[in-house]
PDB file of N, CA and C in Angstrom:
ATOM      1  N   MET A   1     -15.873 144.101 -46.416  1.00  0.00           N
ATOM      2  CA  MET A   1     -17.243 144.101 -46.868  1.00  0.00           C
ATOM      3  C   MET A   1     -18.093 144.957 -45.926  1.00  0.00           C
ATOM      4  N   GLY A   2     -19.084 145.626 -46.474  1.00  0.00           N
ATOM      5  CA  GLY A   2     -19.948 146.437 -45.655  1.00  0.00           C
ATOM      6  C   GLY A   2     -19.444 147.848 -45.425  1.00  0.00           C
ATOM      7  N   GLU A   3     -18.353 148.238 -46.104  1.00  0.00           N
ATOM      8  CA  GLU A   3     -17.830 149.581 -45.935  1.00  0.00           C
ATOM      9  C   GLU A   3     -18.233 150.458 -47.113  1.00  0.00           C
ATOM     10  N   THR A   4     -18.406 151.744 -46.843  1.00  0.00           N
ATOM     11  CA  THR A   4     -18.671 152.688 -47.919  1.00  0.00           C
ATOM     12  C   THR A   4     -17.349 153.049 -48.586  1.00  0.00           C
ATOM     13  N   LEU A   5     -17.424 153.763 -49.672  1.00  0.00           N
ATOM     14  CA  LEU A   5     -16.212 154.107 -50.405  1.00  0.00           C
ATOM     15  C   LEU A   5     -15.267 155.001 -49.632  1.00  0.00           C
ATOM     16  N   ASN A   6     -15.781 155.751 -48.658  1.00  0.00           N
ATOM     17  CA  ASN A   6     -14.890 156.611 -47.882  1.00  0.00           C
ATOM     18  C   ASN A   6     -14.259 155.868 -46.698  1.00  0.00           C
ATOM     19  N   GLY A   7     -14.455 154.551 -46.622  1.00  0.00           N
ATOM     20  CA  GLY A   7     -13.801 153.750 -45.598  1.00  0.00           C
ATOM     21  C   GLY A   7     -14.567 153.587 -44.307  1.00  0.00           C
ATOM     22  N   THR A   8     -15.737 154.154 -44.207  1.00  0.00           N
ATOM     23  CA  THR A   8     -16.536 153.997 -42.998  1.00  0.00           C
ATOM     24  C   THR A   8     -17.633 152.978 -43.247  1.00  0.00           C
ATOM     25  N   SER A   9     -18.260 152.548 -42.203  1.00  0.00           N
ATOM     26  CA  SER A   9     -19.349 151.584 -42.360  1.00  0.00           C
ATOM     27  C   SER A   9     -20.711 152.257 -42.233  1.00  0.00           C
ATOM     28  N   PHE A  10     -20.721 153.597 -42.184  1.00  0.00           N
ATOM     29  CA  PHE A  10     -21.979 154.324 -42.005  1.00  0.00           C
ATOM     30  C   PHE A  10     -22.442 154.926 -43.322  1.00  0.00           C
ATOM     31  N   LEU A  11     -23.662 154.652 -43.691  1.00  0.00           N
ATOM     32  CA  LEU A  11     -24.291 155.255 -44.856  1.00  0.00           C
ATOM     33  C   LEU A  11     -25.757 155.458 -44.523  1.00  0.00           C
ATOM     34  N   ASN A  12     -26.192 156.691 -44.534  1.00  0.00           N
ATOM     35  CA  ASN A  12     -27.568 157.015 -44.203  1.00  0.00           C
ATOM     36  C   ASN A  12     -28.387 157.015 -45.494  1.00  0.00           C
ATOM     37  N   ILE A  13     -29.101 155.939 -45.739  1.00  0.00           N
ATOM     38  CA  ILE A  13     -29.870 155.778 -46.974  1.00  0.00           C
ATOM     39  C   ILE A  13     -30.943 156.848 -47.090  1.00  0.00           C
ATOM     40  N   GLU A  14     -31.626 157.156 -45.996  1.00  0.00           N
ATOM     41  CA  GLU A  14     -32.680 158.168 -46.032  1.00  0.00           C
ATOM     42  C   GLU A  14     -32.109 159.522 -46.461  1.00  0.00           C
ATOM     43  N   GLU A  15     -30.951 159.871 -45.939  1.00  0.00           N
ATOM     44  CA  GLU A  15     -30.318 161.136 -46.290  1.00  0.00           C
ATOM     45  C   GLU A  15     -29.896 161.143 -47.764  1.00  0.00           C
ATOM     46  N   GLU A  16     -29.401 160.014 -48.232  1.00  0.00           N
ATOM     47  CA  GLU A  16     -29.004 159.910 -49.638  1.00  0.00           C
ATOM     48  C   GLU A  16     -30.213 160.071 -50.561  1.00  0.00           C
ATOM     49  N   LEU A  17     -31.335 159.444 -50.217  1.00  0.00           N
ATOM     50  CA  LEU A  17     -32.546 159.565 -51.026  1.00  0.00           C
ATOM     51  C   LEU A  17     -33.084 160.995 -51.011  1.00  0.00           C
ATOM     52  N   GLU A  18     -33.016 161.630 -49.849  1.00  0.00           N
ATOM     53  CA  GLU A  18     -33.472 163.016 -49.734  1.00  0.00           C
ATOM     54  C   GLU A  18     -32.614 163.934 -50.611  1.00  0.00           C
ATOM     55  N   LEU A  19     -31.316 163.726 -50.592  1.00  0.00           N
ATOM     56  CA  LEU A  19     -30.403 164.514 -51.413  1.00  0.00           C
ATOM     57  C   LEU A  19     -30.699 164.313 -52.902  1.00  0.00           C
ATOM     58  N   MET A  20     -30.938 163.079 -53.300  1.00  0.00           N
ATOM     59  CA  MET A  20     -31.246 162.788 -54.695  1.00  0.00           C
ATOM     60  C   MET A  20     -32.549 163.462 -55.109  1.00  0.00           C
ATOM     61  N   ASN A  21     -33.581 163.359 -54.280  1.00  0.00           N
ATOM     62  CA  ASN A  21     -34.865 163.988 -54.597  1.00  0.00           C
ATOM     63  C   ASN A  21     -34.744 165.506 -54.669  1.00  0.00           C
ATOM     64  N   LYS A  22     -33.987 166.079 -53.755  1.00  0.00           N
ATOM     65  CA  LYS A  22     -33.770 167.523 -53.769  1.00  0.00           C
ATOM     66  C   LYS A  22     -33.073 167.938 -55.059  1.00  0.00           C
ATOM     67  N   THR A  23     -32.072 167.179 -55.469  1.00  0.00           N
ATOM     68  CA  THR A  23     -31.341 167.480 -56.694  1.00  0.00           C
ATOM     69  C   THR A  23     -32.246 167.380 -57.912  1.00  0.00           C
ATOM     70  N   LEU A  24     -33.086 166.356 -57.951  1.00  0.00           N
ATOM     71  CA  LEU A  24     -34.015 166.210 -59.074  1.00  0.00           C
ATOM     72  C   LEU A  24     -35.020 167.349 -59.119  1.00  0.00           C
ATOM     73  N   ASN A  25     -35.534 167.749 -57.963  1.00  0.00           N
ATOM     74  CA  ASN A  25     -36.484 168.866 -57.913  1.00  0.00           C
ATOM     75  C   ASN A  25     -35.842 170.164 -58.393  1.00  0.00           C
ATOM     76  N   GLU A  26     -34.602 170.390 -57.997  1.00  0.00           N
ATOM     77  CA  GLU A  26     -33.884 171.587 -58.442  1.00  0.00           C
ATOM     78  C   GLU A  26     -33.645 171.535 -59.947  1.00  0.00           C
ATOM     79  N   ALA A  27     -33.379 170.356 -60.476  1.00  0.00           N
ATOM     80  CA  ALA A  27     -33.154 170.200 -61.912  1.00  0.00           C
ATOM     81  C   ALA A  27     -34.417 170.518 -62.701  1.00  0.00           C
ATOM     82  N   VAL A  28     -35.555 170.108 -62.177  1.00  0.00           N
ATOM     83  CA  VAL A  28     -36.830 170.393 -62.846  1.00  0.00           C
ATOM     84  C   VAL A  28     -37.061 171.902 -62.890  1.00  0.00           C
ATOM     85  N   ARG A  29     -36.799 172.568 -61.754  1.00  0.00           N
ATOM     86  CA  ARG A  29     -36.986 174.018 -61.704  1.00  0.00           C
ATOM     87  C   ARG A  29     -36.025 174.755 -62.632  1.00  0.00           C
ATOM     88  N   ALA A  30     -34.825 174.219 -62.782  1.00  0.00           N
ATOM     89  CA  ALA A  30     -33.819 174.847 -63.639  1.00  0.00           C
ATOM     90  C   ALA A  30     -33.925 174.357 -65.086  1.00  0.00           C
ATOM     91  N   GLN A  31     -34.884 173.505 -65.350  1.00  0.00           N
ATOM     92  CA  GLN A  31     -35.130 172.927 -66.672  1.00  0.00           C
ATOM     93  C   GLN A  31     -33.910 172.164 -67.201  1.00  0.00           C
ATOM     94  N   LYS A  32     -33.271 171.436 -66.306  1.00  0.00           N
ATOM     95  CA  LYS A  32     -32.164 170.558 -66.682  1.00  0.00           C
ATOM     96  C   LYS A  32     -32.717 169.152 -66.861  1.00  0.00           C
ATOM     97  N   GLY A  33     -31.982 168.347 -67.560  1.00  0.00           N
ATOM     98  CA  GLY A  33     -32.374 166.955 -67.708  1.00  0.00           C
ATOM     99  C   GLY A  33     -31.994 166.147 -66.479  1.00  0.00           C
ATOM    100  N   GLU A  34     -32.694 165.041 -66.277  1.00  0.00           N
ATOM    101  CA  GLU A  34     -32.431 164.171 -65.128  1.00  0.00           C
ATOM    102  C   GLU A  34     -31.007 163.629 -65.169  1.00  0.00           C
ATOM    103  N   LYS A  35     -30.561 163.226 -66.344  1.00  0.00           N
ATOM    104  CA  LYS A  35     -29.216 162.656 -66.471  1.00  0.00           C
ATOM    105  C   LYS A  35     -28.153 163.696 -66.105  1.00  0.00           C
ATOM    106  N   GLU A  36     -28.325 164.920 -66.571  1.00  0.00           N
ATOM    107  CA  GLU A  36     -27.373 165.979 -66.263  1.00  0.00           C
ATOM    108  C   GLU A  36     -27.340 166.263 -64.757  1.00  0.00           C
ATOM    109  N   ALA A  37     -28.514 166.313 -64.149  1.00  0.00           N
ATOM    110  CA  ALA A  37     -28.590 166.587 -62.709  1.00  0.00           C
ATOM    111  C   ALA A  37     -27.922 165.491 -61.898  1.00  0.00           C
ATOM    112  N   MET A  38     -28.154 164.232 -62.270  1.00  0.00           N
ATOM    113  CA  MET A  38     -27.556 163.125 -61.519  1.00  0.00           C
ATOM    114  C   MET A  38     -26.040 163.069 -61.743  1.00  0.00           C
ATOM    115  N   THR A  39     -25.594 163.450 -62.927  1.00  0.00           N
ATOM    116  CA  THR A  39     -24.149 163.519 -63.188  1.00  0.00           C
ATOM    117  C   THR A  39     -23.507 164.566 -62.291  1.00  0.00           C
ATOM    118  N   GLU A  40     -24.130 165.740 -62.204  1.00  0.00           N
ATOM    119  CA  GLU A  40     -23.609 166.794 -61.334  1.00  0.00           C
ATOM    120  C   GLU A  40     -23.587 166.346 -59.874  1.00  0.00           C
ATOM    121  N   LEU A  41     -24.637 165.670 -59.442  1.00  0.00           N
ATOM    122  CA  LEU A  41     -24.695 165.171 -58.067  1.00  0.00           C
ATOM    123  C   LEU A  41     -23.562 164.175 -57.821  1.00  0.00           C
ATOM    124  N   GLY A  42     -23.364 163.269 -58.753  1.00  0.00           N
ATOM    125  CA  GLY A  42     -22.288 162.283 -58.615  1.00  0.00           C
ATOM    126  C   GLY A  42     -20.921 162.936 -58.517  1.00  0.00           C
ATOM    127  N   LEU A  43     -20.691 163.959 -59.326  1.00  0.00           N
ATOM    128  CA  LEU A  43     -19.406 164.656 -59.280  1.00  0.00           C
ATOM    129  C   LEU A  43     -19.220 165.405 -57.965  1.00  0.00           C
ATOM    130  N   LYS A  44     -20.288 166.024 -57.465  1.00  0.00           N
ATOM    131  CA  LYS A  44     -20.195 166.716 -56.177  1.00  0.00           C
ATOM    132  C   LYS A  44     -19.894 165.734 -55.057  1.00  0.00           C
ATOM    133  N   ARG A  45     -20.545 164.577 -55.095  1.00  0.00           N
ATOM    134  CA  ARG A  45     -20.318 163.575 -54.048  1.00  0.00           C
ATOM    135  C   ARG A  45     -18.909 163.003 -54.141  1.00  0.00           C
ATOM    136  N   PHE A  46     -18.423 162.826 -55.354  1.00  0.00           N
ATOM    137  CA  PHE A  46     -17.054 162.351 -55.540  1.00  0.00           C
ATOM    138  C   PHE A  46     -16.068 163.332 -54.923  1.00  0.00           C
ATOM    139  N   GLU A  47     -16.249 164.609 -55.236  1.00  0.00           N
ATOM    140  CA  GLU A  47     -15.366 165.642 -54.678  1.00  0.00           C
ATOM    141  C   GLU A  47     -15.407 165.633 -53.157  1.00  0.00           C
ATOM    142  N   PHE A  48     -16.601 165.509 -52.579  1.00  0.00           N
ATOM    143  CA  PHE A  48     -16.749 165.516 -51.131  1.00  0.00           C
ATOM    144  C   PHE A  48     -16.014 164.354 -50.484  1.00  0.00           C
ATOM    145  N   PHE A  49     -16.186 163.143 -51.023  1.00  0.00           N
ATOM    146  CA  PHE A  49     -15.631 161.951 -50.383  1.00  0.00           C
ATOM    147  C   PHE A  49     -14.175 161.684 -50.740  1.00  0.00           C
ATOM    148  N   PHE A  50     -13.711 162.135 -51.915  1.00  0.00           N
ATOM    149  CA  PHE A  50     -12.385 161.733 -52.340  1.00  0.00           C
ATOM    150  C   PHE A  50     -11.368 162.864 -52.391  1.00  0.00           C
ATOM    151  N   THR A  51     -11.810 164.092 -52.346  1.00  0.00           N
ATOM    152  CA  THR A  51     -10.842 165.179 -52.362  1.00  0.00           C
ATOM    153  C   THR A  51     -10.891 166.005 -51.090  1.00  0.00           C
ATOM    154  N   GLY A  52     -11.811 165.655 -50.211  1.00  0.00           N
ATOM    155  CA  GLY A  52     -11.899 166.289 -48.910  1.00  0.00           C
ATOM    156  C   GLY A  52     -12.454 167.628 -49.018  1.00  0.00           C
TER     157      GLY A  52
END
């Protein structure tokens, strides 16, 4: 309990929120939908944590 999905106990909430806000702002500029932008963010994060 208390571990992140990558097996560590460290998760920087502020950094995660900043990343999400940055992604949403970029989506607005690119005229993408919020759902599409968050899906892309989720896939990028999955690749980072699970495929190295």
